[in-house]
C-alpha atoms as a PDB file:
ATOM      1  CA  MET A   1     102.028  79.696 111.962  1.00  0.00           C
ATOM      2  CA  MET A   2      99.081  81.301 111.935  1.00  0.00           C
ATOM      3  CA  ASN A   3     100.469  83.314 108.793  1.00  0.00           C
ATOM      4  CA  ILE A   4     100.718  80.601 106.814  1.00  0.00           C
ATOM      5  CA  ARG A   5      97.430  79.537 107.783  1.00  0.00           C
ATOM      6  CA  ILE A   6      95.837  82.215 107.101  1.00  0.00           C
ATOM      7  CA  GLU A   7      97.829  82.678 103.333  1.00  0.00           C
ATOM      8  CA  LEU A   8      96.289  78.975 102.681  1.00  0.00           C
ATOM      9  CA  ASN A   9      92.859  79.680 103.547  1.00  0.00           C
ATOM     10  CA  LYS A  10      92.952  83.165 101.349  1.00  0.00           C
ATOM     11  CA  LEU A  11      94.153  80.729  98.097  1.00  0.00           C
ATOM     12  CA  TYR A  12      91.620  78.018  99.333  1.00  0.00           C
ATOM     13  CA  TYR A  13      88.591  81.026  99.835  1.00  0.00           C
ATOM     14  CA  LYS A  14      90.086  82.584  96.366  1.00  0.00           C
ATOM     15  CA  TYR A  15      88.948  79.586  94.562  1.00  0.00           C
ATOM     16  CA  ASN A  16      85.908  78.679  96.311  1.00  0.00           C
ATOM     17  CA  THR A  17      83.873  81.504  95.615  1.00  0.00           C
ATOM     18  CA  SER A  18      80.350  80.757  97.288  1.00  0.00           C
ATOM     19  CA  VAL A  19      81.294  81.578 100.578  1.00  0.00           C
ATOM     20  CA  VAL A  20      81.523  85.124 102.515  1.00  0.00           C
ATOM     21  CA  ASN A  21      84.231  85.191 104.988  1.00  0.00           C
ATOM     22  CA  HIS A  22      86.928  87.022 106.603  1.00  0.00           C
ATOM     23  CA  TYR A  23      89.362  85.999 103.942  1.00  0.00           C
ATOM     24  CA  LYS A  24      87.059  87.027 101.173  1.00  0.00           C
ATOM     25  CA  LEU A  25      87.730  90.383 102.548  1.00  0.00           C
ATOM     26  CA  LEU A  26      91.386  89.698 103.043  1.00  0.00           C
ATOM     27  CA  LEU A  27      91.450  88.426  99.528  1.00  0.00           C
ATOM     28  CA  LEU A  28      89.119  91.790  98.377  1.00  0.00           C
ATOM     29  CA  ILE A  29      92.077  94.378 100.062  1.00  0.00           C
ATOM     30  CA  ASP A  30      94.708  92.052  98.308  1.00  0.00           C
ATOM     31  CA  GLU A  31      93.309  93.111  95.030  1.00  0.00           C
ATOM     32  CA  TYR A  32      92.398  96.788  95.800  1.00  0.00           C
ATOM     33  CA  LYS A  33      96.381  97.142  97.156  1.00  0.00           C
ATOM     34  CA  GLY A  34      97.464  95.150  93.737  1.00  0.00           C
ATOM     35  CA  ILE A  35      95.753  97.893  91.427  1.00  0.00           C
ATOM     36  CA  ASN A  36      97.630 100.630  93.492  1.00  0.00           C
ATOM     37  CA  LYS A  37     100.792  98.520  93.298  1.00  0.00           C
ATOM     38  CA  LYS A  38     100.645  97.787  89.811  1.00  0.00           C
ATOM     39  CA  TYR A  39     100.323 101.688  88.825  1.00  0.00           C
ATOM     40  CA  PHE A  40     102.600 103.423  90.716  1.00  0.00           C
ATOM     41  CA  ASP A  41     104.989 101.018  89.575  1.00  0.00           C
ATOM     42  CA  LYS A  42     104.124 101.348  85.886  1.00  0.00           C
ATOM     43  CA  TYR A  43     104.183 105.413  86.821  1.00  0.00           C
ATOM     44  CA  PRO A  44     106.433 105.927  90.315  1.00  0.00           C
ATOM     45  CA  ASN A  45     105.711 110.303  89.472  1.00  0.00           C
ATOM     46  CA  ALA A  46     102.077 109.584  89.640  1.00  0.00           C
ATOM     47  CA  LYS A  47      99.925 110.969  92.268  1.00  0.00           C
ATOM     48  CA  GLY A  48      96.590 109.431  94.713  1.00  0.00           C
ATOM     49  CA  TRP A  49      95.157 111.972  93.744  1.00  0.00           C
ATOM     50  CA  ILE A  50      93.522 112.659  90.410  1.00  0.00           C
ATOM     51  CA  ASN A  51      93.780 116.130  90.522  1.00  0.00           C
ATOM     52  CA  LEU A  52      97.306 116.432  91.170  1.00  0.00           C
ATOM     53  CA  ASN A  53      98.005 114.400  88.191  1.00  0.00           C
ATOM     54  CA  GLU A  54      97.862 117.212  86.066  1.00  0.00           C
ATOM     55  CA  GLU A  55     101.380 117.202  84.576  1.00  0.00           C
ATOM     56  CA  LEU A  56     101.651 113.257  84.212  1.00  0.00           C
ATOM     57  CA  PHE A  57      97.945 113.491  82.325  1.00  0.00           C
ATOM     58  CA  ASN A  58      98.969 115.743  80.016  1.00  0.00           C
ATOM     59  CA  LEU A  59     101.869 113.989  79.179  1.00  0.00           C
ATOM     60  CA  ASN A  60     100.770 110.828  79.062  1.00  0.00           C
ATOM     61  CA  LYS A  61      96.852 109.893  78.318  1.00  0.00           C
ATOM     62  CA  GLN A  62      97.361 106.115  78.698  1.00  0.00           C
ATOM     63  CA  ALA A  63      98.324 107.200  82.161  1.00  0.00           C
ATOM     64  CA  GLU A  64      94.753 108.750  82.780  1.00  0.00           C
ATOM     65  CA  ILE A  65      92.942 105.993  80.993  1.00  0.00           C
ATOM     66  CA  GLU A  66      94.694 103.414  83.435  1.00  0.00           C
ATOM     67  CA  PHE A  67      93.950 105.989  86.692  1.00  0.00           C
ATOM     68  CA  MET A  68      90.553 106.288  85.550  1.00  0.00           C
ATOM     69  CA  ASP A  69      89.895 102.544  85.089  1.00  0.00           C
ATOM     70  CA  GLY A  70      92.125 101.611  88.540  1.00  0.00           C
ATOM     71  CA  SER A  71      89.842 104.206  89.816  1.00  0.00           C
ATOM     72  CA  LYS A  72      86.814 102.400  89.074  1.00  0.00           C
ATOM     73  CA  ASN A  73      87.298  99.202  90.062  1.00  0.00           C
ATOM     74  CA  GLN A  74      88.674  99.966  93.594  1.00  0.00           C
ATOM     75  CA  SER A  75      85.280 101.457  93.825  1.00  0.00           C
ATOM     76  CA  ARG A  76      83.936  98.551  92.795  1.00  0.00           C
ATOM     77  CA  ILE A  77      85.715  96.275  94.905  1.00  0.00           C
ATOM     78  CA  LYS A  78      85.368  99.023  97.936  1.00  0.00           C
ATOM     79  CA  LYS A  79      81.660  98.347  97.692  1.00  0.00           C
ATOM     80  CA  GLU A  80      82.457  94.802  97.479  1.00  0.00           C
ATOM     81  CA  PHE A  81      84.427  94.639 100.707  1.00  0.00           C
ATOM     82  CA  PHE A  82      80.958  96.455 102.366  1.00  0.00           C
ATOM     83  CA  GLU A  83      78.450  94.756 101.091  1.00  0.00           C
ATOM     84  CA  ASN A  84      80.443  90.922 102.090  1.00  0.00           C
ATOM     85  CA  ARG A  85      81.290  92.964 105.816  1.00  0.00           C
ATOM     86  CA  GLU A  86      77.526  93.645 106.092  1.00  0.00           C
ATOM     87  CA  ILE A  87      76.846  89.897 105.574  1.00  0.00           C
ATOM     88  CA  ILE A  88      79.340  89.161 107.672  1.00  0.00           C
ATOM     89  CA  CYS A  89      78.038  91.198 110.577  1.00  0.00           C
ATOM     90  CA  ASN A  90      74.486  89.979 110.134  1.00  0.00           C
ATOM     91  CA  ASN A  91      75.388  86.070 110.338  1.00  0.00           C
ATOM     92  CA  ASN A  92      77.520  86.516 113.355  1.00  0.00           C
ATOM     93  CA  LYS A  93      74.996  89.097 115.463  1.00  0.00           C
ATOM     94  CA  ASN A  94      75.969  87.028 118.599  1.00  0.00           C
ATOM     95  CA  LYS A  95      79.837  87.559 117.947  1.00  0.00           C
ATOM     96  CA  ASN A  96      81.717  90.288 119.048  1.00  0.00           C
ATOM     97  CA  LEU A  97      83.853  90.933 116.294  1.00  0.00           C
ATOM     98  CA  ILE A  98      85.833  94.076 115.372  1.00  0.00           C
ATOM     99  CA  ILE A  99      84.879  94.396 111.815  1.00  0.00           C
ATOM    100  CA  CYS A 100      81.547  94.192 112.791  1.00  0.00           C
ATOM    101  CA  SER A 101      82.046  96.852 115.980  1.00  0.00           C
ATOM    102  CA  ASP A 102      80.237 100.287 116.222  1.00  0.00           C
ATOM    103  CA  PHE A 103      83.746 102.197 115.917  1.00  0.00           C
ATOM    104  CA  PHE A 104      84.563  99.969 112.497  1.00  0.00           C
ATOM    105  CA  GLU A 105      81.035 101.054 111.182  1.00  0.00           C
ATOM    106  CA  ASN A 106      81.723 104.838 111.962  1.00  0.00           C
ATOM    107  CA  PHE A 107      84.997 105.500 111.012  1.00  0.00           C
ATOM    108  CA  TYR A 108      85.452 103.203 107.976  1.00  0.00           C
ATOM    109  CA  VAL A 109      81.729 102.202 106.477  1.00  0.00           C
ATOM    110  CA  CYS A 110      80.293 105.808 107.293  1.00  0.00           C
ATOM    111  CA  HIS A 111      83.227 108.111 105.838  1.00  0.00           C
ATOM    112  CA  LYS A 112      84.407 105.084 103.440  1.00  0.00           C
ATOM    113  CA  TYR A 113      87.621 107.314 102.894  1.00  0.00           C
ATOM    114  CA  HIS A 114      89.175 105.739 105.900  1.00  0.00           C
ATOM    115  CA  PHE A 115      89.040 102.762 104.025  1.00  0.00           C
ATOM    116  CA  GLU A 116      92.153 104.115 101.815  1.00  0.00           C
ATOM    117  CA  GLN A 117      93.497 106.180 104.052  1.00  0.00           C
ATOM    118  CA  ASN A 118      93.625 102.776 106.956  1.00  0.00           C
ATOM    119  CA  ILE A 119      93.647  99.772 104.655  1.00  0.00           C
ATOM    120  CA  GLU A 120      96.166  97.879 106.944  1.00  0.00           C
ATOM    121  CA  ASN A 121      94.432  98.931 110.184  1.00  0.00           C
ATOM    122  CA  ILE A 122      91.532  97.247 108.057  1.00  0.00           C
ATOM    123  CA  VAL A 123      93.746  94.021 107.477  1.00  0.00           C
ATOM    124  CA  LYS A 124      95.144  93.833 111.127  1.00  0.00           C
ATOM    125  CA  ASP A 125      91.359  94.184 112.368  1.00  0.00           C
ATOM    126  CA  ILE A 126      90.301  91.060 109.923  1.00  0.00           C
ATOM    127  CA  ILE A 127      93.410  89.358 110.706  1.00  0.00           C
ATOM    128  CA  THR A 128      92.792  89.794 114.683  1.00  0.00           C
ATOM    129  CA  ASP A 129      88.877  88.405 114.612  1.00  0.00           C
ATOM    130  CA  ILE A 130      90.173  85.427 112.774  1.00  0.00           C
ATOM    131  CA  LYS A 131      92.610  84.616 115.327  1.00  0.00           C
ATOM    132  CA  ASN A 132      89.589  85.445 117.953  1.00  0.00           C
ATOM    133  CA  MET A 133      87.052  82.773 115.988  1.00  0.00           C
ATOM    134  CA  GLU A 134      89.539  79.967 115.861  1.00  0.00           C
ATOM    135  CA  LYS A 135      90.458  80.210 119.122  1.00  0.00           C
END
């Protein structure tokens, strides 16, 4: 039941763009992951790092253009994610939210590369916060 409510709220906040909340963070992560999925579905031999794609890019310049565009969009999304997280944490100073914890700050915010490497863990942390807030 909780997953249905989360999906419905994500749908609602997709169109209610004036609110910054946990669902917005989930939407940003979905958008971020969607860029990867679309690219790797189109180019299954592609690698996650630009320097590992030399052979693909030499054979297909469009793949390189799309990789660069996708990387730029993902950087924008990641920046927006951290900005929105900061807003949520500043507005909820008295709440014990995982995304506002010292661990989250040190691991994901200070070392932004962990965002890509552990994105499913971030989703779990956000959903845990949502469940705790809705009790």
